């Protein structure tokens, strides 16, 4: 253990840290697109269009029932056969966003349905359009309800980014594989990778908690 602290960490930590910016970029990009997809799907489920509703339900079920790694491999290796070729990084972003969007659609759907229906009816009575009602009344409250769950999904996404190492994205786990190929100390390398992921996740959790407090009404921030 002393050798791990005094020699292994100072030698290989800088190498592994090269993958951290890529992991964070993957996480933020996938989270942003996932929120857009999830919010759009949640709103679609609220309109009275059976075709659109069942398309969204089919999309959600497929993404929940098929492993994420299979979706990533399909996007990176199978889509080029149909003329759609993406760089490894963006293939990872697309795959993670599609899967995350399916889960977040359920989060946003539940958050929207938690809002008192009377607020929507009051907006209609005032002559507001459906778009304005959602943009100014429903969605701000729904987002506040969804923030804690969104934070949990972001932390999960941060760790799921390790899956894109299978499609040659130079993120943290991929850098770890290079280190193992060089020193053959797999246990020490994976231990250090786990510590880095813990620090990233712990920091993210604290930031999300602060954001959650900031979004609360002033009288509830104590």
Protein backbone atom coordinates (compact mmCIF):
# COMPACT_ATOMS: atom_id res chain seq x y z
CA UNK A 1 0.00 0.00 0.00
CA UNK A 2 2.85 2.38 0.82
CA UNK A 3 4.34 1.68 -2.61
CA UNK A 4 0.96 2.48 -4.15
CA UNK A 5 0.86 5.88 -2.42
CA UNK A 6 4.48 6.94 -2.85
CA UNK A 7 5.31 5.56 -6.29
CA UNK A 8 2.30 4.34 -8.25
CA UNK A 9 0.00 7.33 -7.70
CA UNK A 10 2.56 10.08 -8.50
CA UNK A 11 3.69 8.16 -11.60
CA UNK A 12 0.35 7.22 -13.18
CA UNK A 13 -2.17 9.72 -11.81
CA UNK A 14 -1.23 12.36 -14.43
CA UNK A 15 -1.71 9.75 -17.16
CA UNK A 16 -5.17 8.83 -15.90
CA UNK A 17 -6.16 12.46 -15.43
CA UNK A 18 -5.88 12.94 -19.19
CA UNK A 19 -9.15 11.02 -19.49
CA UNK A 20 -11.02 13.11 -16.90
CA UNK A 21 -11.79 16.10 -19.21
CA UNK A 22 -13.15 13.70 -21.84
CA UNK A 23 -15.31 11.97 -19.22
CA UNK A 24 -16.68 15.33 -18.04
CA UNK A 25 -17.32 16.51 -21.61
CA UNK A 26 -19.20 13.28 -22.34
CA UNK A 27 -21.25 13.68 -19.15
CA UNK A 28 -22.23 17.31 -19.70
CA UNK A 29 -23.01 16.90 -23.41
CA UNK A 30 -25.03 13.72 -22.86
CA UNK A 31 -26.88 15.26 -19.90
CA UNK A 32 -27.80 18.37 -21.90
CA UNK A 33 -29.11 16.39 -24.88
CA UNK A 34 -30.75 13.86 -22.56
CA UNK A 35 -32.68 16.62 -20.79
CA UNK A 36 -33.88 18.02 -24.12
CA UNK A 37 -34.99 14.57 -25.34
CA UNK A 38 -36.58 13.65 -22.03
CA UNK A 39 -38.46 16.94 -21.72
CA UNK A 40 -39.74 16.72 -25.29
CA UNK A 41 -40.96 13.16 -24.76
CA UNK A 42 -42.62 14.07 -21.46
CA UNK A 43 -44.52 16.92 -23.09
CA UNK A 44 -45.59 14.63 -25.96
CA UNK A 45 -47.12 12.21 -23.45
CA UNK A 46 -49.28 15.06 -22.14
CA UNK A 47 -50.90 15.85 -25.49
CA UNK A 48 -53.84 13.83 -26.72
CA UNK A 49 -52.24 12.18 -29.73
CA UNK A 50 -52.25 8.40 -29.47
CA UNK A 51 -49.73 7.88 -32.28
CA UNK A 52 -47.14 10.21 -30.73
CA UNK A 53 -47.84 8.73 -27.29
CA UNK A 54 -47.19 5.16 -28.41
CA UNK A 55 -44.04 6.15 -30.33
CA UNK A 56 -42.64 7.66 -27.14
CA UNK A 57 -43.68 4.61 -25.10
CA UNK A 58 -41.97 2.27 -27.59
CA UNK A 59 -38.79 4.39 -27.50
CA UNK A 60 -38.73 4.37 -23.69
CA UNK A 61 -39.29 0.63 -23.45
CA UNK A 62 -36.56 -0.17 -25.99
CA UNK A 63 -33.99 2.00 -24.22
CA UNK A 64 -34.90 0.59 -20.80
CA UNK A 65 -34.84 -3.04 -21.93
CA UNK A 66 -31.72 -3.02 -24.14
CA UNK A 67 -28.27 -2.69 -22.45
CA UNK A 68 -26.59 0.65 -22.99
CA UNK A 69 -23.42 -0.98 -24.32
CA UNK A 70 -25.45 -2.70 -27.08
CA UNK A 71 -26.90 0.65 -28.16
CA UNK A 72 -23.43 2.23 -28.18
CA UNK A 73 -21.97 -0.60 -30.24
CA UNK A 74 -24.89 -0.43 -32.69
CA UNK A 75 -24.46 3.31 -33.21
CA UNK A 76 -20.68 3.09 -33.67
CA UNK A 77 -20.36 -0.12 -35.68
CA UNK A 78 -23.75 -0.76 -37.35
CA UNK A 79 -24.86 2.72 -38.46
CA UNK A 80 -21.85 3.15 -40.81
CA UNK A 81 -23.25 0.21 -42.80
CA UNK A 82 -26.25 2.45 -43.57
CA UNK A 83 -24.13 5.49 -44.44
CA UNK A 84 -24.22 7.16 -41.01
CA UNK A 85 -20.72 7.37 -39.57
CA UNK A 86 -19.98 9.29 -36.36
CA UNK A 87 -16.69 9.98 -34.58
CA UNK A 88 -16.25 7.84 -31.48
CA UNK A 89 -16.86 10.74 -29.08
CA UNK A 90 -20.11 11.82 -30.72
CA UNK A 91 -21.27 8.23 -31.12
CA UNK A 92 -20.86 7.96 -27.36
CA UNK A 93 -22.75 11.21 -26.77
CA UNK A 94 -25.61 10.12 -29.05
CA UNK A 95 -25.89 6.68 -27.43
CA UNK A 96 -25.77 7.95 -23.85
CA UNK A 97 -28.18 10.81 -24.65
CA UNK A 98 -30.73 8.47 -26.23
CA UNK A 99 -30.68 6.11 -23.26
CA UNK A 100 -30.68 8.90 -20.68
CA UNK A 101 -33.48 10.74 -22.47
CA UNK A 102 -35.71 7.68 -22.14
CA UNK A 103 -35.24 7.58 -18.38
CA UNK A 104 -35.56 11.34 -17.95
CA UNK A 105 -38.81 11.36 -19.91
CA UNK A 106 -40.37 9.41 -17.06
CA UNK A 107 -38.84 11.76 -14.50
CA UNK A 108 -40.24 14.84 -16.26
CA UNK A 109 -43.61 13.15 -16.87
CA UNK A 110 -43.98 12.46 -13.16
CA UNK A 111 -42.85 15.99 -12.28
CA UNK A 112 -45.33 17.57 -14.70
CA UNK A 113 -48.19 15.42 -13.43
CA UNK A 114 -47.28 16.43 -9.85
CA UNK A 115 -48.28 20.03 -10.64
CA UNK A 116 -51.83 20.91 -9.64
CA UNK A 117 -54.01 20.63 -12.79
CA UNK A 118 -55.85 23.72 -11.60
CA UNK A 119 -52.84 25.85 -12.59
CA UNK A 120 -53.13 24.71 -16.20
CA UNK A 121 -56.87 25.35 -16.16
CA UNK A 122 -56.31 28.82 -14.66
CA UNK A 123 -53.86 29.62 -17.44
CA UNK A 124 -56.37 28.53 -20.08
CA UNK A 125 -59.05 30.65 -18.38
CA UNK A 126 -56.74 33.67 -18.67
CA UNK A 127 -56.42 33.08 -22.40
CA UNK A 128 -52.81 31.89 -22.33
CA UNK A 129 -51.64 29.50 -25.01
CA UNK A 130 -50.56 25.97 -24.11
CA UNK A 131 -46.95 26.87 -24.94
CA UNK A 132 -46.95 29.87 -22.61
CA UNK A 133 -48.59 27.87 -19.82
CA UNK A 134 -45.93 25.17 -20.01
CA UNK A 135 -43.04 27.64 -20.39
CA UNK A 136 -44.00 30.04 -17.61
CA UNK A 137 -46.10 27.99 -15.19
CA UNK A 138 -45.73 24.22 -15.48
CA UNK A 139 -42.11 23.60 -16.50
CA UNK A 140 -40.40 25.91 -13.94
CA UNK A 141 -42.18 24.09 -11.11
CA UNK A 142 -41.62 20.67 -12.69
CA UNK A 143 -37.87 21.32 -13.07
CA UNK A 144 -37.62 22.21 -9.39
CA UNK A 145 -39.29 18.91 -8.49
CA UNK A 146 -37.06 16.96 -10.88
CA UNK A 147 -33.69 18.43 -9.86
CA UNK A 148 -32.81 15.87 -7.12
CA UNK A 149 -33.59 12.97 -9.46
CA UNK A 150 -31.72 14.64 -12.33
CA UNK A 151 -28.71 14.93 -10.04
CA UNK A 152 -28.80 11.21 -9.32
CA UNK A 153 -28.98 10.42 -13.02
CA UNK A 154 -26.04 12.75 -13.73
CA UNK A 155 -23.86 10.92 -11.21
CA UNK A 156 -24.92 7.60 -12.73
CA UNK A 157 -24.14 8.97 -16.19
CA UNK A 158 -20.69 10.06 -15.02
CA UNK A 159 -19.90 6.45 -14.21
CA UNK A 160 -21.67 5.04 -17.28
CA UNK A 161 -19.25 7.04 -19.45
CA UNK A 162 -16.80 4.20 -18.81
CA UNK A 163 -18.83 2.18 -21.33
CA UNK A 164 -17.65 4.34 -24.22
CA UNK A 165 -14.15 2.93 -23.74
CA UNK A 166 -15.47 -0.02 -25.78
CA UNK A 167 -15.83 2.26 -28.81
CA UNK A 168 -12.32 3.74 -28.48
CA UNK A 169 -13.16 7.02 -26.75
CA UNK A 170 -10.10 8.23 -24.82
CA UNK A 171 -11.88 8.68 -21.48
CA UNK A 172 -10.76 7.69 -17.98
CA UNK A 173 -11.20 3.92 -18.19
CA UNK A 174 -9.55 3.81 -21.62
CA UNK A 175 -6.53 5.62 -20.21
CA UNK A 176 -6.51 3.04 -17.43
CA UNK A 177 -6.31 0.23 -19.98
CA UNK A 178 -3.25 1.89 -21.52
CA UNK A 179 -1.62 2.09 -18.09
CA UNK A 180 -2.36 -1.59 -17.40
CA UNK A 181 -0.88 -2.59 -20.75
CA UNK A 182 2.28 -0.78 -19.69
CA UNK A 183 2.74 -1.88 -16.07
CA UNK A 184 0.48 -4.99 -15.74
CA UNK A 185 -0.70 -3.72 -12.32
CA UNK A 186 -4.41 -3.99 -12.96
CA UNK A 187 -5.61 -3.94 -9.35
CA UNK A 188 -3.64 -0.80 -8.49
CA UNK A 189 -4.79 0.91 -11.67
CA UNK A 190 -8.46 0.08 -11.15
CA UNK A 191 -8.20 1.19 -7.52
CA UNK A 192 -6.85 4.57 -8.61
CA UNK A 193 -9.56 4.85 -11.31
CA UNK A 194 -12.18 4.08 -8.66
CA UNK A 195 -10.79 6.83 -6.42
CA UNK A 196 -10.95 9.35 -9.27
CA UNK A 197 -14.55 8.37 -10.05
CA UNK A 198 -15.41 8.70 -6.35
CA UNK A 199 -13.95 12.22 -6.21
CA UNK A 200 -15.83 13.24 -9.36
CA UNK A 201 -19.12 11.76 -8.12
CA UNK A 202 -18.75 13.17 -4.60
CA UNK A 203 -18.01 16.64 -5.94
CA UNK A 204 -20.94 16.43 -8.35
CA UNK A 205 -23.27 15.41 -5.52
CA UNK A 206 -22.23 18.44 -3.46
CA UNK A 207 -22.73 20.81 -6.40
CA UNK A 208 -26.14 19.31 -7.16
CA UNK A 209 -27.16 19.70 -3.54
CA UNK A 210 -26.20 23.38 -3.63
CA UNK A 211 -28.17 23.81 -6.85
CA UNK A 212 -31.19 22.14 -5.28
CA UNK A 213 -31.04 24.55 -2.32
CA UNK A 214 -30.59 27.55 -4.64
CA UNK A 215 -33.71 26.60 -6.62
CA UNK A 216 -35.88 26.41 -3.52
CA UNK A 217 -38.05 29.37 -2.55
CA UNK A 218 -36.22 31.76 -0.21
CA UNK A 219 -38.30 30.79 2.83
CA UNK A 220 -37.30 27.11 2.45
CA UNK A 221 -33.52 27.62 2.11
CA UNK A 222 -32.69 27.37 5.81
